[in-house]
Amino acid sequence: MRLPLGRMTLIVSYPLICIMTAVMILDRSCAVVLCFMAALLHELGHLAALAYFRSAPDTIRLTLFDIAIIDNKKALRKPSQELAVILAGVSVNFVCAGLSYAAFSIFGRQELMVFMTAHLTLGLFNSMPVYSLDGGQALALLLAKHFSPAKADMISTVVSLVFLFPLALCGFLILLQTKYNFTLLLASVWLIAETLRSRGADI
Protein backbone atom coordinates (compact mmCIF):
# COMPACT_ATOMS: atom_id res chain seq x y z
CA MET A 1 0.00 0.00 0.00
CA ARG A 2 1.46 3.37 -1.09
CA LEU A 3 0.61 6.60 0.68
CA PRO A 4 1.97 10.00 -0.44
CA LEU A 5 3.32 12.13 2.43
CA GLY A 6 4.25 15.43 0.87
CA ARG A 7 7.41 14.75 -1.13
CA MET A 8 7.82 11.36 0.48
CA THR A 9 6.12 8.04 -0.20
CA LEU A 10 5.09 5.66 2.60
CA ILE A 11 4.95 2.01 1.58
CA VAL A 12 3.30 -0.43 4.01
CA SER A 13 3.26 -4.12 3.10
CA TYR A 14 -0.06 -5.95 3.34
CA PRO A 15 1.46 -8.88 5.30
CA LEU A 16 2.54 -6.38 7.97
CA ILE A 17 -0.97 -4.93 8.16
CA CYS A 18 -2.46 -8.43 8.53
CA ILE A 19 0.06 -9.55 11.15
CA MET A 20 -0.27 -6.37 13.23
CA THR A 21 -4.07 -6.62 13.12
CA ALA A 22 -3.90 -10.22 14.33
CA VAL A 23 -1.37 -9.32 17.04
CA MET A 24 -3.49 -6.47 18.39
CA ILE A 25 -6.45 -8.86 18.63
CA LEU A 26 -4.62 -11.87 20.11
CA ASP A 27 -1.71 -10.44 22.12
CA ARG A 28 -3.26 -9.57 25.48
CA SER A 29 0.10 -8.54 26.96
CA CYS A 30 0.73 -6.02 24.14
CA ALA A 31 4.42 -7.03 24.21
CA VAL A 32 4.70 -7.36 20.43
CA VAL A 33 2.98 -4.02 19.88
CA LEU A 34 5.32 -2.34 22.37
CA CYS A 35 8.36 -3.81 20.59
CA PHE A 36 7.04 -2.56 17.27
CA MET A 37 6.48 0.88 18.80
CA ALA A 38 10.10 0.90 20.01
CA ALA A 39 11.27 0.10 16.46
CA LEU A 40 8.98 2.79 15.06
CA LEU A 41 10.32 5.40 17.49
CA HIS A 42 13.85 4.39 16.49
CA GLU A 43 13.09 5.20 12.86
CA LEU A 44 11.27 8.40 13.86
CA GLY A 45 14.53 9.46 15.48
CA HIS A 46 16.27 9.17 12.12
CA LEU A 47 13.42 11.03 10.43
CA ALA A 48 13.52 13.84 13.00
CA ALA A 49 17.25 14.31 12.38
CA LEU A 50 16.67 14.33 8.62
CA ALA A 51 13.92 16.91 9.05
CA TYR A 52 16.22 19.04 11.21
CA PHE A 53 18.81 19.08 8.43
CA ARG A 54 16.07 19.71 5.84
CA SER A 55 16.87 16.45 4.07
CA ALA A 56 13.65 14.49 3.86
CA PRO A 57 13.94 10.90 2.55
CA ASP A 58 12.36 9.78 -0.69
CA THR A 59 10.60 6.67 0.61
CA ILE A 60 9.74 5.04 3.93
CA ARG A 61 9.04 1.32 3.59
CA LEU A 62 7.42 -0.75 6.36
CA THR A 63 7.52 -4.50 5.82
CA LEU A 64 7.10 -7.59 7.95
CA PHE A 65 10.86 -7.79 8.58
CA ASP A 66 12.12 -4.20 8.74
CA ILE A 67 11.48 -0.49 8.53
CA ALA A 68 13.61 1.06 5.79
CA ILE A 69 14.26 4.73 5.07
CA ILE A 70 15.28 5.23 1.44
CA ASP A 71 17.54 8.26 1.46
CA ASN A 72 19.32 9.46 -1.68
CA LYS A 73 20.62 12.73 -0.22
CA LYS A 74 23.50 11.40 1.91
CA ALA A 75 26.12 12.94 -0.36
CA LEU A 76 24.61 16.39 0.18
CA ARG A 77 25.04 16.29 3.97
CA LYS A 78 28.18 17.06 5.94
CA PRO A 79 29.83 14.07 7.68
CA SER A 80 28.87 15.50 11.08
CA GLN A 81 25.26 15.81 9.97
CA GLU A 82 25.26 12.27 8.58
CA LEU A 83 26.69 10.96 11.86
CA ALA A 84 23.92 12.75 13.77
CA VAL A 85 21.30 11.17 11.50
CA ILE A 86 22.83 7.70 11.98
CA LEU A 87 22.98 7.94 15.77
CA ALA A 88 19.57 9.59 16.19
CA GLY A 89 17.73 6.26 16.22
CA VAL A 90 19.69 4.63 19.05
CA SER A 91 19.69 7.93 20.94
CA VAL A 92 15.88 7.90 20.94
CA ASN A 93 15.92 4.27 22.13
CA PHE A 94 18.22 5.02 25.07
CA VAL A 95 16.27 8.13 26.07
CA CYS A 96 12.97 6.23 25.90
CA ALA A 97 14.49 3.35 27.88
CA GLY A 98 15.48 5.77 30.64
CA LEU A 99 12.10 7.47 30.67
CA SER A 100 10.29 4.12 30.69
CA TYR A 101 12.35 2.90 33.64
CA ALA A 102 11.66 6.12 35.52
CA ALA A 103 7.93 5.76 34.83
CA PHE A 104 8.06 2.10 35.90
CA SER A 105 9.71 3.11 39.18
CA ILE A 106 6.79 5.47 39.83
CA PHE A 107 3.79 3.55 38.53
CA GLY A 108 5.06 -0.05 38.64
CA ARG A 109 3.22 -1.14 35.49
CA GLN A 110 4.77 -4.16 33.78
CA GLU A 111 4.09 -2.73 30.33
CA LEU A 112 6.58 0.05 31.07
CA MET A 113 9.28 -2.50 31.91
CA VAL A 114 8.58 -4.33 28.63
CA PHE A 115 8.78 -1.02 26.77
CA MET A 116 12.07 -0.19 28.52
CA THR A 117 13.53 -3.60 27.68
CA ALA A 118 12.50 -3.29 24.03
CA HIS A 119 14.14 0.12 23.70
CA LEU A 120 17.31 -0.93 25.52
CA THR A 121 17.68 -4.14 23.49
CA LEU A 122 17.06 -2.34 20.21
CA GLY A 123 19.45 0.47 21.09
CA LEU A 124 22.27 -1.86 22.15
CA PHE A 125 21.78 -4.16 19.16
CA ASN A 126 21.83 -1.31 16.65
CA SER A 127 24.87 0.24 18.34
CA MET A 128 27.06 -2.74 17.43
CA PRO A 129 29.74 -1.86 14.82
CA VAL A 130 28.18 -4.20 12.29
CA TYR A 131 27.51 -3.29 8.69
CA SER A 132 23.82 -2.47 8.04
CA LEU A 133 23.34 -1.51 11.71
CA ASP A 134 23.62 2.08 12.91
CA GLY A 135 26.87 1.40 14.75
CA GLY A 136 28.40 -0.11 11.62
CA GLN A 137 27.36 2.85 9.49
CA ALA A 138 28.84 5.26 12.04
CA LEU A 139 32.09 3.25 12.04
CA ALA A 140 32.25 3.27 8.24
CA LEU A 141 31.73 7.04 8.22
CA LEU A 142 34.55 7.58 10.71
CA LEU A 143 36.90 5.18 8.90
CA ALA A 144 36.31 7.00 5.61
CA LYS A 145 37.92 10.11 7.13
CA HIS A 146 41.21 8.34 7.86
CA PHE A 147 41.59 5.52 5.32
CA SER A 148 41.18 4.86 1.63
CA PRO A 149 37.76 3.49 0.59
CA ALA A 150 39.18 -0.02 0.04
CA LYS A 151 40.93 -0.16 3.42
CA ALA A 152 37.95 1.37 5.25
CA ASP A 153 35.73 -1.24 3.60
CA MET A 154 38.05 -4.07 4.67
CA ILE A 155 38.28 -2.85 8.28
CA SER A 156 34.52 -2.41 8.50
CA THR A 157 33.96 -5.95 7.21
CA VAL A 158 36.47 -7.51 9.61
CA VAL A 159 35.04 -5.65 12.62
CA SER A 160 31.52 -6.72 11.63
CA LEU A 161 32.47 -10.39 11.40
CA VAL A 162 34.47 -10.26 14.66
CA PHE A 163 31.27 -9.19 16.41
CA LEU A 164 28.87 -11.41 14.47
CA PHE A 165 30.49 -14.84 14.68
CA PRO A 166 30.54 -14.93 18.53
CA LEU A 167 26.99 -13.56 18.47
CA ALA A 168 25.93 -16.38 16.14
CA LEU A 169 27.60 -18.92 18.44
CA CYS A 170 25.75 -17.43 21.40
CA GLY A 171 22.50 -17.68 19.44
CA PHE A 172 23.23 -21.33 18.63
CA LEU A 173 23.86 -22.13 22.32
CA ILE A 174 20.60 -20.37 23.26
CA LEU A 175 18.77 -22.47 20.67
CA LEU A 176 20.28 -25.68 22.08
CA GLN A 177 19.30 -24.72 25.60
CA THR A 178 15.77 -23.50 24.93
CA LYS A 179 14.96 -25.77 21.96
CA TYR A 180 12.88 -23.01 20.38
CA ASN A 181 14.51 -19.56 20.69
CA PHE A 182 16.31 -19.09 17.37
CA THR A 183 15.89 -15.29 17.14
CA LEU A 184 19.49 -14.32 17.91
CA LEU A 185 20.93 -17.06 15.69
CA LEU A 186 18.70 -16.09 12.77
CA ALA A 187 19.50 -12.39 13.16
CA SER A 188 23.25 -13.10 13.34
CA VAL A 189 23.25 -15.35 10.27
CA TRP A 190 21.23 -12.80 8.32
CA LEU A 191 23.64 -10.00 9.28
CA ILE A 192 26.67 -12.12 8.34
CA ALA A 193 25.13 -12.87 4.95
CA GLU A 194 24.22 -9.21 4.45
CA THR A 195 27.73 -8.08 5.39
CA LEU A 196 29.38 -10.50 2.97
CA ARG A 197 26.92 -9.73 0.20
CA SER A 198 27.21 -5.97 0.51
CA ARG A 199 30.94 -5.80 1.15
CA GLY A 200 31.90 -8.52 -1.29
CA ALA A 201 34.14 -10.19 1.31
CA ASP A 202 35.86 -13.41 0.31
CA ILE A 203 36.39 -15.88 3.10
C-alpha atoms as a PDB file:
ATOM      1  CA  MET A   1       0.000   0.000   0.000  1.00  0.00           C
ATOM      2  CA  ARG A   2       1.465   3.366  -1.089  1.00  0.00           C
ATOM      3  CA  LEU A   3       0.611   6.601   0.679  1.00  0.00           C
ATOM      4  CA  PRO A   4       1.973  10.003  -0.442  1.00  0.00           C
ATOM      5  CA  LEU A   5       3.322  12.127   2.430  1.00  0.00           C
ATOM      6  CA  GLY A   6       4.251  15.432   0.870  1.00  0.00           C
ATOM      7  CA  ARG A   7       7.406  14.752  -1.133  1.00  0.00           C
ATOM      8  CA  MET A   8       7.817  11.356   0.479  1.00  0.00           C
ATOM      9  CA  THR A   9       6.123   8.042  -0.196  1.00  0.00           C
ATOM     10  CA  LEU A  10       5.094   5.664   2.598  1.00  0.00           C
ATOM     11  CA  ILE A  11       4.953   2.007   1.581  1.00  0.00           C
ATOM     12  CA  VAL A  12       3.300  -0.433   4.006  1.00  0.00           C
ATOM     13  CA  SER A  13       3.259  -4.121   3.101  1.00  0.00           C
ATOM     14  CA  TYR A  14      -0.058  -5.949   3.335  1.00  0.00           C
ATOM     15  CA  PRO A  15       1.457  -8.881   5.302  1.00  0.00           C
ATOM     16  CA  LEU A  16       2.543  -6.383   7.967  1.00  0.00           C
ATOM     17  CA  ILE A  17      -0.970  -4.935   8.159  1.00  0.00           C
ATOM     18  CA  CYS A  18      -2.461  -8.426   8.527  1.00  0.00           C
ATOM     19  CA  ILE A  19       0.058  -9.555  11.153  1.00  0.00           C
ATOM     20  CA  MET A  20      -0.268  -6.367  13.229  1.00  0.00           C
ATOM     21  CA  THR A  21      -4.066  -6.619  13.121  1.00  0.00           C
ATOM     22  CA  ALA A  22      -3.897 -10.222  14.335  1.00  0.00           C
ATOM     23  CA  VAL A  23      -1.373  -9.324  17.038  1.00  0.00           C
ATOM     24  CA  MET A  24      -3.495  -6.473  18.389  1.00  0.00           C
ATOM     25  CA  ILE A  25      -6.454  -8.857  18.629  1.00  0.00           C
ATOM     26  CA  LEU A  26      -4.617 -11.874  20.107  1.00  0.00           C
ATOM     27  CA  ASP A  27      -1.705 -10.436  22.122  1.00  0.00           C
ATOM     28  CA  ARG A  28      -3.257  -9.570  25.484  1.00  0.00           C
ATOM     29  CA  SER A  29       0.096  -8.537  26.962  1.00  0.00           C
ATOM     30  CA  CYS A  30       0.728  -6.018  24.144  1.00  0.00           C
ATOM     31  CA  ALA A  31       4.425  -7.035  24.214  1.00  0.00           C
ATOM     32  CA  VAL A  32       4.704  -7.358  20.431  1.00  0.00           C
ATOM     33  CA  VAL A  33       2.979  -4.020  19.882  1.00  0.00           C
ATOM     34  CA  LEU A  34       5.322  -2.336  22.373  1.00  0.00           C
ATOM     35  CA  CYS A  35       8.361  -3.812  20.592  1.00  0.00           C
ATOM     36  CA  PHE A  36       7.040  -2.565  17.268  1.00  0.00           C
ATOM     37  CA  MET A  37       6.484   0.881  18.803  1.00  0.00           C
ATOM     38  CA  ALA A  38      10.104   0.904  20.006  1.00  0.00           C
ATOM     39  CA  ALA A  39      11.274   0.101  16.458  1.00  0.00           C
ATOM     40  CA  LEU A  40       8.980   2.788  15.061  1.00  0.00           C
ATOM     41  CA  LEU A  41      10.322   5.404  17.486  1.00  0.00           C
ATOM     42  CA  HIS A  42      13.855   4.387  16.487  1.00  0.00           C
ATOM     43  CA  GLU A  43      13.088   5.202  12.862  1.00  0.00           C
ATOM     44  CA  LEU A  44      11.274   8.397  13.856  1.00  0.00           C
ATOM     45  CA  GLY A  45      14.529   9.465  15.482  1.00  0.00           C
ATOM     46  CA  HIS A  46      16.268   9.169  12.116  1.00  0.00           C
ATOM     47  CA  LEU A  47      13.421  11.029  10.431  1.00  0.00           C
ATOM     48  CA  ALA A  48      13.516  13.839  13.005  1.00  0.00           C
ATOM     49  CA  ALA A  49      17.246  14.308  12.379  1.00  0.00           C
ATOM     50  CA  LEU A  50      16.667  14.326   8.620  1.00  0.00           C
ATOM     51  CA  ALA A  51      13.917  16.911   9.050  1.00  0.00           C
ATOM     52  CA  TYR A  52      16.222  19.040  11.212  1.00  0.00           C
ATOM     53  CA  PHE A  53      18.807  19.084   8.426  1.00  0.00           C
ATOM     54  CA  ARG A  54      16.072  19.714   5.836  1.00  0.00           C
ATOM     55  CA  SER A  55      16.874  16.454   4.074  1.00  0.00           C
ATOM     56  CA  ALA A  56      13.646  14.492   3.865  1.00  0.00           C
ATOM     57  CA  PRO A  57      13.941  10.902   2.554  1.00  0.00           C
ATOM     58  CA  ASP A  58      12.362   9.783  -0.687  1.00  0.00           C
ATOM     59  CA  THR A  59      10.599   6.674   0.606  1.00  0.00           C
ATOM     60  CA  ILE A  60       9.740   5.039   3.926  1.00  0.00           C
ATOM     61  CA  ARG A  61       9.041   1.316   3.590  1.00  0.00           C
ATOM     62  CA  LEU A  62       7.421  -0.749   6.360  1.00  0.00           C
ATOM     63  CA  THR A  63       7.522  -4.501   5.820  1.00  0.00           C
ATOM     64  CA  LEU A  64       7.103  -7.593   7.954  1.00  0.00           C
ATOM     65  CA  PHE A  65      10.855  -7.785   8.585  1.00  0.00           C
ATOM     66  CA  ASP A  66      12.118  -4.202   8.741  1.00  0.00           C
ATOM     67  CA  ILE A  67      11.481  -0.486   8.529  1.00  0.00           C
ATOM     68  CA  ALA A  68      13.608   1.064   5.788  1.00  0.00           C
ATOM     69  CA  ILE A  69      14.257   4.730   5.068  1.00  0.00           C
ATOM     70  CA  ILE A  70      15.276   5.228   1.441  1.00  0.00           C
ATOM     71  CA  ASP A  71      17.542   8.262   1.462  1.00  0.00           C
ATOM     72  CA  ASN A  72      19.324   9.463  -1.679  1.00  0.00           C
ATOM     73  CA  LYS A  73      20.618  12.728  -0.224  1.00  0.00           C
ATOM     74  CA  LYS A  74      23.499  11.402   1.905  1.00  0.00           C
ATOM     75  CA  ALA A  75      26.119  12.943  -0.363  1.00  0.00           C
ATOM     76  CA  LEU A  76      24.610  16.394   0.178  1.00  0.00           C
ATOM     77  CA  ARG A  77      25.041  16.287   3.967  1.00  0.00           C
ATOM     78  CA  LYS A  78      28.180  17.065   5.944  1.00  0.00           C
ATOM     79  CA  PRO A  79      29.831  14.072   7.680  1.00  0.00           C
ATOM     80  CA  SER A  80      28.873  15.495  11.080  1.00  0.00           C
ATOM     81  CA  GLN A  81      25.259  15.812   9.973  1.00  0.00           C
ATOM     82  CA  GLU A  82      25.257  12.273   8.584  1.00  0.00           C
ATOM     83  CA  LEU A  83      26.692  10.959  11.865  1.00  0.00           C
ATOM     84  CA  ALA A  84      23.923  12.746  13.773  1.00  0.00           C
ATOM     85  CA  VAL A  85      21.295  11.165  11.501  1.00  0.00           C
ATOM     86  CA  ILE A  86      22.831   7.704  11.975  1.00  0.00           C
ATOM     87  CA  LEU A  87      22.979   7.945  15.766  1.00  0.00           C
ATOM     88  CA  ALA A  88      19.571   9.593  16.191  1.00  0.00           C
ATOM     89  CA  GLY A  89      17.725   6.259  16.224  1.00  0.00           C
ATOM     90  CA  VAL A  90      19.686   4.629  19.047  1.00  0.00           C
ATOM     91  CA  SER A  91      19.687   7.932  20.941  1.00  0.00           C
ATOM     92  CA  VAL A  92      15.881   7.896  20.939  1.00  0.00           C
ATOM     93  CA  ASN A  93      15.917   4.272  22.132  1.00  0.00           C
ATOM     94  CA  PHE A  94      18.223   5.019  25.068  1.00  0.00           C
ATOM     95  CA  VAL A  95      16.268   8.134  26.071  1.00  0.00           C
ATOM     96  CA  CYS A  96      12.968   6.233  25.901  1.00  0.00           C
ATOM     97  CA  ALA A  97      14.488   3.347  27.884  1.00  0.00           C
ATOM     98  CA  GLY A  98      15.484   5.772  30.641  1.00  0.00           C
ATOM     99  CA  LEU A  99      12.099   7.474  30.668  1.00  0.00           C
ATOM    100  CA  SER A 100      10.288   4.117  30.689  1.00  0.00           C
ATOM    101  CA  TYR A 101      12.352   2.903  33.638  1.00  0.00           C
ATOM    102  CA  ALA A 102      11.663   6.124  35.524  1.00  0.00           C
ATOM    103  CA  ALA A 103       7.934   5.761  34.830  1.00  0.00           C
ATOM    104  CA  PHE A 104       8.058   2.096  35.901  1.00  0.00           C
ATOM    105  CA  SER A 105       9.706   3.114  39.181  1.00  0.00           C
ATOM    106  CA  ILE A 106       6.791   5.471  39.833  1.00  0.00           C
ATOM    107  CA  PHE A 107       3.794   3.549  38.529  1.00  0.00           C
ATOM    108  CA  GLY A 108       5.056  -0.052  38.644  1.00  0.00           C
ATOM    109  CA  ARG A 109       3.220  -1.142  35.488  1.00  0.00           C
ATOM    110  CA  GLN A 110       4.769  -4.163  33.781  1.00  0.00           C
ATOM    111  CA  GLU A 111       4.095  -2.726  30.328  1.00  0.00           C
ATOM    112  CA  LEU A 112       6.582   0.053  31.071  1.00  0.00           C
ATOM    113  CA  MET A 113       9.285  -2.502  31.911  1.00  0.00           C
ATOM    114  CA  VAL A 114       8.578  -4.329  28.628  1.00  0.00           C
ATOM    115  CA  PHE A 115       8.779  -1.018  26.769  1.00  0.00           C
ATOM    116  CA  MET A 116      12.066  -0.189  28.523  1.00  0.00           C
ATOM    117  CA  THR A 117      13.533  -3.603  27.682  1.00  0.00           C
ATOM    118  CA  ALA A 118      12.495  -3.293  24.028  1.00  0.00           C
ATOM    119  CA  HIS A 119      14.141   0.120  23.703  1.00  0.00           C
ATOM    120  CA  LEU A 120      17.312  -0.934  25.524  1.00  0.00           C
ATOM    121  CA  THR A 121      17.679  -4.136  23.486  1.00  0.00           C
ATOM    122  CA  LEU A 122      17.057  -2.342  20.210  1.00  0.00           C
ATOM    123  CA  GLY A 123      19.450   0.473  21.092  1.00  0.00           C
ATOM    124  CA  LEU A 124      22.265  -1.862  22.147  1.00  0.00           C
ATOM    125  CA  PHE A 125      21.778  -4.164  19.161  1.00  0.00           C
ATOM    126  CA  ASN A 126      21.830  -1.313  16.649  1.00  0.00           C
ATOM    127  CA  SER A 127      24.870   0.239  18.338  1.00  0.00           C
ATOM    128  CA  MET A 128      27.058  -2.738  17.425  1.00  0.00           C
ATOM    129  CA  PRO A 129      29.742  -1.857  14.817  1.00  0.00           C
ATOM    130  CA  VAL A 130      28.184  -4.200  12.295  1.00  0.00           C
ATOM    131  CA  TYR A 131      27.511  -3.287   8.686  1.00  0.00           C
ATOM    132  CA  SER A 132      23.816  -2.470   8.036  1.00  0.00           C
ATOM    133  CA  LEU A 133      23.335  -1.506  11.705  1.00  0.00           C
ATOM    134  CA  ASP A 134      23.623   2.079  12.914  1.00  0.00           C
ATOM    135  CA  GLY A 135      26.872   1.398  14.751  1.00  0.00           C
ATOM    136  CA  GLY A 136      28.405  -0.106  11.621  1.00  0.00           C
ATOM    137  CA  GLN A 137      27.360   2.845   9.488  1.00  0.00           C
ATOM    138  CA  ALA A 138      28.839   5.256  12.039  1.00  0.00           C
ATOM    139  CA  LEU A 139      32.088   3.249  12.044  1.00  0.00           C
ATOM    140  CA  ALA A 140      32.248   3.274   8.236  1.00  0.00           C
ATOM    141  CA  LEU A 141      31.728   7.039   8.216  1.00  0.00           C
ATOM    142  CA  LEU A 142      34.545   7.584  10.712  1.00  0.00           C
ATOM    143  CA  LEU A 143      36.901   5.182   8.903  1.00  0.00           C
ATOM    144  CA  ALA A 144      36.306   6.999   5.609  1.00  0.00           C
ATOM    145  CA  LYS A 145      37.918  10.109   7.125  1.00  0.00           C
ATOM    146  CA  HIS A 146      41.209   8.343   7.859  1.00  0.00           C
ATOM    147  CA  PHE A 147      41.590   5.521   5.319  1.00  0.00           C
ATOM    148  CA  SER A 148      41.180   4.861   1.634  1.00  0.00           C
ATOM    149  CA  PRO A 149      37.762   3.489   0.589  1.00  0.00           C
ATOM    150  CA  ALA A 150      39.178  -0.020   0.044  1.00  0.00           C
ATOM    151  CA  LYS A 151      40.925  -0.155   3.422  1.00  0.00           C
ATOM    152  CA  ALA A 152      37.954   1.369   5.251  1.00  0.00           C
ATOM    153  CA  ASP A 153      35.731  -1.235   3.597  1.00  0.00           C
ATOM    154  CA  MET A 154      38.046  -4.069   4.668  1.00  0.00           C
ATOM    155  CA  ILE A 155      38.284  -2.849   8.282  1.00  0.00           C
ATOM    156  CA  SER A 156      34.518  -2.408   8.497  1.00  0.00           C
ATOM    157  CA  THR A 157      33.957  -5.947   7.208  1.00  0.00           C
ATOM    158  CA  VAL A 158      36.472  -7.506   9.607  1.00  0.00           C
ATOM    159  CA  VAL A 159      35.040  -5.650  12.618  1.00  0.00           C
ATOM    160  CA  SER A 160      31.518  -6.715  11.629  1.00  0.00           C
ATOM    161  CA  LEU A 161      32.468 -10.386  11.400  1.00  0.00           C
ATOM    162  CA  VAL A 162      34.465 -10.258  14.661  1.00  0.00           C
ATOM    163  CA  PHE A 163      31.266  -9.190  16.407  1.00  0.00           C
ATOM    164  CA  LEU A 164      28.873 -11.406  14.475  1.00  0.00           C
ATOM    165  CA  PHE A 165      30.493 -14.843  14.682  1.00  0.00           C
ATOM    166  CA  PRO A 166      30.539 -14.926  18.527  1.00  0.00           C
ATOM    167  CA  LEU A 167      26.990 -13.560  18.468  1.00  0.00           C
ATOM    168  CA  ALA A 168      25.932 -16.382  16.137  1.00  0.00           C
ATOM    169  CA  LEU A 169      27.599 -18.923  18.443  1.00  0.00           C
ATOM    170  CA  CYS A 170      25.752 -17.429  21.405  1.00  0.00           C
ATOM    171  CA  GLY A 171      22.502 -17.679  19.438  1.00  0.00           C
ATOM    172  CA  PHE A 172      23.232 -21.326  18.629  1.00  0.00           C
ATOM    173  CA  LEU A 173      23.859 -22.125  22.317  1.00  0.00           C
ATOM    174  CA  ILE A 174      20.598 -20.367  23.261  1.00  0.00           C
ATOM    175  CA  LEU A 175      18.768 -22.468  20.666  1.00  0.00           C
ATOM    176  CA  LEU A 176      20.284 -25.684  22.082  1.00  0.00           C
ATOM    177  CA  GLN A 177      19.299 -24.722  25.599  1.00  0.00           C
ATOM    178  CA  THR A 178      15.770 -23.500  24.933  1.00  0.00           C
ATOM    179  CA  LYS A 179      14.962 -25.775  21.956  1.00  0.00           C
ATOM    180  CA  TYR A 180      12.881 -23.009  20.378  1.00  0.00           C
ATOM    181  CA  ASN A 181      14.511 -19.561  20.688  1.00  0.00           C
ATOM    182  CA  PHE A 182      16.312 -19.093  17.365  1.00  0.00           C
ATOM    183  CA  THR A 183      15.890 -15.293  17.137  1.00  0.00           C
ATOM    184  CA  LEU A 184      19.493 -14.319  17.913  1.00  0.00           C
ATOM    185  CA  LEU A 185      20.934 -17.058  15.691  1.00  0.00           C
ATOM    186  CA  LEU A 186      18.700 -16.094  12.769  1.00  0.00           C
ATOM    187  CA  ALA A 187      19.505 -12.387  13.158  1.00  0.00           C
ATOM    188  CA  SER A 188      23.253 -13.104  13.343  1.00  0.00           C
ATOM    189  CA  VAL A 189      23.250 -15.348  10.270  1.00  0.00           C
ATOM    190  CA  TRP A 190      21.229 -12.798   8.319  1.00  0.00           C
ATOM    191  CA  LEU A 191      23.639 -10.000   9.280  1.00  0.00           C
ATOM    192  CA  ILE A 192      26.668 -12.124   8.342  1.00  0.00           C
ATOM    193  CA  ALA A 193      25.132 -12.865   4.950  1.00  0.00           C
ATOM    194  CA  GLU A 194      24.217  -9.211   4.452  1.00  0.00           C
ATOM    195  CA  THR A 195      27.728  -8.082   5.393  1.00  0.00           C
ATOM    196  CA  LEU A 196      29.385 -10.505   2.973  1.00  0.00           C
ATOM    197  CA  ARG A 197      26.918  -9.732   0.197  1.00  0.00           C
ATOM    198  CA  SER A 198      27.213  -5.974   0.512  1.00  0.00           C
ATOM    199  CA  ARG A 199      30.940  -5.801   1.151  1.00  0.00           C
ATOM    200  CA  GLY A 200      31.905  -8.516  -1.291  1.00  0.00           C
ATOM    201  CA  ALA A 201      34.143 -10.185   1.305  1.00  0.00           C
ATOM    202  CA  ASP A 202      35.860 -13.408   0.313  1.00  0.00           C
ATOM    203  CA  ILE A 203      36.389 -15.879   3.102  1.00  0.00           C
END
